[in-house]
Amino acid sequence: QVYLGEDQIDLDQLIIRMAELTKNGAEERIYVRGDASADYGTVMKVMGVLSGAGYSKIGLITSQEQGQ
């Protein structure tokens, strides 16, 4: 499953929705976050779609486990 903010979207709609939300187009910094059950291949596919659309400032967000 792929989400943009709190909304679940189809991966083929990601770039269309990103274009609607970003002010600076492909120059915008984009952050990708996956939960503990996220498949690495899916995260890489999302990053690949963004990169293919010209977004070059892509970062990963991680969270510390509770109690650390």
Protein backbone atom coordinates (compact mmCIF):
# COMPACT_ATOMS: atom_id res chain seq x y z
CA GLN A 1 0.00 0.00 0.00
CA VAL A 2 1.22 3.47 -0.85
CA TYR A 3 0.11 6.60 1.00
CA LEU A 4 0.54 10.25 0.25
CA GLY A 5 0.08 11.92 3.61
CA GLU A 6 -2.84 10.07 5.16
CA ASP A 7 -4.47 9.12 1.84
CA GLN A 8 -3.94 5.71 0.28
CA ILE A 9 -3.23 6.09 -3.44
CA ASP A 10 -2.33 3.90 -6.40
CA LEU A 11 1.34 4.11 -7.34
CA ASP A 12 0.40 5.20 -10.86
CA GLN A 13 -1.29 8.30 -9.35
CA LEU A 14 1.71 9.32 -7.24
CA ILE A 15 3.33 11.73 -9.70
CA ILE A 16 0.02 13.36 -10.60
CA ARG A 17 -0.74 13.97 -6.92
CA MET A 18 2.83 15.13 -6.22
CA ALA A 19 2.56 17.72 -8.99
CA GLU A 20 -0.63 19.04 -7.36
CA LEU A 21 1.01 19.34 -3.93
CA THR A 22 4.52 20.60 -4.62
CA LYS A 23 5.25 24.28 -5.01
CA ASN A 24 8.65 23.93 -6.66
CA GLY A 25 7.95 20.89 -8.85
CA ALA A 26 10.79 18.42 -9.07
CA GLU A 27 13.04 20.77 -7.06
CA GLU A 28 10.96 20.05 -3.94
CA ARG A 29 12.52 17.88 -1.22
CA ILE A 30 10.51 14.65 -0.89
CA TYR A 31 10.56 12.34 2.14
CA VAL A 32 9.62 8.66 1.95
CA ARG A 33 8.67 6.75 5.10
CA GLY A 34 7.87 3.06 5.47
CA ASP A 35 6.53 1.32 8.53
CA ALA A 36 8.08 -1.83 9.97
CA SER A 37 6.02 -4.06 7.68
CA ALA A 38 6.96 -2.16 4.50
CA ASP A 39 8.59 -4.27 1.84
CA TYR A 40 12.00 -2.88 0.83
CA GLY A 41 11.21 -3.48 -2.84
CA THR A 42 8.05 -1.37 -2.60
CA VAL A 43 9.92 1.48 -0.93
CA MET A 44 12.53 1.34 -3.70
CA LYS A 45 9.78 1.26 -6.35
CA VAL A 46 8.22 4.44 -4.90
CA MET A 47 11.63 6.11 -4.88
CA GLY A 48 12.23 4.97 -8.46
CA VAL A 49 8.92 6.44 -9.64
CA LEU A 50 9.76 9.75 -7.98
CA SER A 51 13.28 9.75 -9.40
CA GLY A 52 11.99 8.89 -12.87
CA ALA A 53 9.70 11.91 -12.72
CA GLY A 54 12.68 14.20 -12.04
CA TYR A 55 12.54 14.41 -8.24
CA SER A 56 16.19 14.20 -7.18
CA LYS A 57 15.95 15.37 -3.55
CA ILE A 58 14.49 12.21 -2.03
CA GLY A 59 15.15 11.29 1.59
CA LEU A 60 14.11 8.46 3.88
CA ILE A 61 12.50 9.06 7.24
CA THR A 62 13.12 6.59 10.03
CA SER A 63 11.78 6.44 13.55
CA GLN A 64 13.41 5.04 16.63
CA GLU A 65 11.82 2.03 18.22
CA GLN A 66 9.90 2.72 21.42
CA GLY A 67 12.09 2.50 24.51
CA GLN A 68 15.36 3.43 22.83
